[in-house]
Amino acid sequence: MAQTTLDTPVDVLNYALTLEHLEYAFYRDGLDQFTADDFTAAGYAPVVYDYLGLIRDHELEHVDTLISVIESLGGEPVAEATYDFGYADVAGFVGVAQALENTGVAAYQGAAADLIDEDELLTAALTIHGV
């Protein structure tokens, strides 16, 4: 399998955008599939659904911000792909959310340490990572 190289700031930003597309699609589609009542019926506090909605909204902000920055640099933002997250119920959705968030945090930490050498891009990546 060939290794992808990230040679330019746009490459790095598109790498981040790929992750943000995935996370936004996950929360958007999951919260479209399940209601707040589904979460409470599965034993979660009512506020969990609301918090997941806030996370979804943050992920959309990340997508929009990255698209804007990529375009401002003259780049072409990657498109959202089609995903199958493999969950069938609320508990499965929450389990995938946990794994996805852990993966996202690790990806940003790795990119910040190894791929981003411009101060403005590093600040943007760490800001998204912190949210």
Protein backbone atom coordinates (compact mmCIF):
# COMPACT_ATOMS: atom_id res chain seq x y z
CA MET A 1 0.00 0.00 0.00
CA ALA A 2 1.41 3.39 -0.98
CA GLN A 3 1.93 6.00 1.68
CA THR A 4 0.24 9.35 1.14
CA THR A 5 2.51 12.35 1.37
CA LEU A 6 1.33 15.69 2.66
CA ASP A 7 3.65 18.15 0.97
CA THR A 8 1.73 21.43 1.18
CA PRO A 9 -0.45 23.20 3.73
CA VAL A 10 -3.47 22.44 1.52
CA ASP A 11 -2.60 18.72 1.65
CA VAL A 12 -2.50 18.85 5.44
CA LEU A 13 -5.74 20.82 5.61
CA ASN A 14 -7.47 18.36 3.26
CA TYR A 15 -6.27 15.54 5.51
CA ALA A 16 -7.95 17.32 8.42
CA LEU A 17 -11.04 18.04 6.30
CA THR A 18 -11.37 14.35 5.46
CA LEU A 19 -11.55 13.57 9.17
CA GLU A 20 -13.97 16.42 9.86
CA HIS A 21 -16.25 15.33 7.01
CA LEU A 22 -16.33 11.84 8.52
CA GLU A 23 -17.09 13.11 12.04
CA TYR A 24 -19.77 15.54 10.89
CA ALA A 25 -21.47 12.90 8.72
CA PHE A 26 -21.42 10.48 11.64
CA TYR A 27 -23.19 12.84 14.04
CA ARG A 28 -25.52 14.29 11.41
CA ASP A 29 -26.70 10.91 10.19
CA GLY A 30 -26.89 9.31 13.65
CA LEU A 31 -28.92 12.13 15.11
CA ASP A 32 -31.20 12.02 12.07
CA GLN A 33 -31.70 8.30 12.68
CA PHE A 34 -32.24 8.40 16.46
CA THR A 35 -34.40 10.74 18.53
CA ALA A 36 -33.93 12.08 22.04
CA ASP A 37 -36.54 9.53 23.13
CA ASP A 38 -34.44 6.73 21.62
CA PHE A 39 -31.52 7.83 23.79
CA THR A 40 -33.56 7.96 26.99
CA ALA A 41 -35.14 4.57 26.16
CA ALA A 42 -31.59 3.19 25.86
CA GLY A 43 -30.79 4.45 29.37
CA TYR A 44 -29.01 7.71 28.57
CA ALA A 45 -29.84 10.99 30.28
CA PRO A 46 -31.94 13.31 28.10
CA VAL A 47 -29.09 15.81 27.91
CA VAL A 48 -26.88 13.30 26.04
CA TYR A 49 -28.84 13.84 22.82
CA ASP A 50 -28.46 17.60 23.22
CA TYR A 51 -24.70 17.31 23.79
CA LEU A 52 -24.33 15.13 20.72
CA GLY A 53 -26.16 17.82 18.76
CA LEU A 54 -23.64 20.38 19.97
CA ILE A 55 -20.80 18.11 18.87
CA ARG A 56 -22.44 17.73 15.45
CA ASP A 57 -22.67 21.52 15.16
CA HIS A 58 -18.99 21.91 16.12
CA GLU A 59 -18.00 19.37 13.49
CA LEU A 60 -19.91 21.33 10.86
CA GLU A 61 -18.08 24.50 11.95
CA HIS A 62 -14.78 22.64 11.54
CA VAL A 63 -15.78 21.51 8.03
CA ASP A 64 -16.83 25.02 7.03
CA THR A 65 -13.68 26.59 8.48
CA LEU A 66 -11.35 24.13 6.78
CA ILE A 67 -13.12 24.56 3.44
CA SER A 68 -12.79 28.32 3.76
CA VAL A 69 -9.09 28.17 4.61
CA ILE A 70 -8.32 25.69 1.82
CA GLU A 71 -10.13 27.86 -0.71
CA SER A 72 -8.37 31.00 0.58
CA LEU A 73 -5.06 29.24 -0.12
CA GLY A 74 -6.18 28.48 -3.68
CA GLY A 75 -6.77 24.80 -2.96
CA GLU A 76 -9.61 22.44 -3.80
CA PRO A 77 -11.35 21.04 -0.69
CA VAL A 78 -11.92 17.29 -0.64
CA ALA A 79 -15.55 16.23 -0.87
CA GLU A 80 -17.42 14.28 1.78
CA ALA A 81 -17.33 10.56 1.11
CA THR A 82 -19.98 7.93 1.78
CA TYR A 83 -19.63 6.10 5.09
CA ASP A 84 -21.00 3.01 6.80
CA PHE A 85 -20.40 3.29 10.53
CA GLY A 86 -21.86 -0.12 11.31
CA TYR A 87 -24.08 0.72 14.27
CA ALA A 88 -27.63 -0.59 14.56
CA ASP A 89 -28.83 1.02 17.78
CA VAL A 90 -28.18 3.90 20.15
CA ALA A 91 -25.62 1.96 22.20
CA GLY A 92 -23.71 1.11 19.03
CA PHE A 93 -23.85 4.73 17.92
CA VAL A 94 -22.41 5.89 21.26
CA GLY A 95 -19.67 3.25 21.05
CA VAL A 96 -18.65 4.38 17.58
CA ALA A 97 -18.74 8.00 18.75
CA GLN A 98 -16.24 7.22 21.48
CA ALA A 99 -13.89 5.43 19.09
CA LEU A 100 -14.24 8.16 16.49
CA GLU A 101 -13.44 10.93 18.96
CA ASN A 102 -10.38 9.09 20.25
CA THR A 103 -9.19 8.61 16.67
CA GLY A 104 -9.80 12.26 15.84
CA VAL A 105 -7.83 13.48 18.83
CA ALA A 106 -4.92 11.18 17.96
CA ALA A 107 -4.96 12.33 14.33
CA TYR A 108 -4.76 16.00 15.29
CA GLN A 109 -2.01 15.34 17.82
CA GLY A 110 0.00 13.45 15.22
CA ALA A 111 -0.53 16.07 12.54
CA ALA A 112 0.37 18.91 14.87
CA ALA A 113 3.60 17.22 15.87
CA ASP A 114 4.70 15.89 12.49
CA LEU A 115 2.98 17.67 9.61
CA ILE A 116 2.24 21.27 10.52
CA ASP A 117 5.16 23.66 10.59
CA GLU A 118 3.37 26.93 9.91
CA ASP A 119 2.28 28.78 13.06
CA GLU A 120 -1.15 29.84 11.72
CA LEU A 121 -2.04 26.31 10.62
CA LEU A 122 -0.77 24.85 13.88
CA THR A 123 -2.94 27.27 15.85
CA ALA A 124 -5.99 26.36 13.75
CA ALA A 125 -5.37 22.62 14.17
CA LEU A 126 -4.91 22.91 17.92
CA THR A 127 -8.04 25.04 18.21
CA ILE A 128 -10.09 22.35 16.44
CA HIS A 129 -8.38 19.63 18.49
CA GLY A 130 -9.32 21.41 21.73
CA VAL A 131 -13.00 21.50 20.81
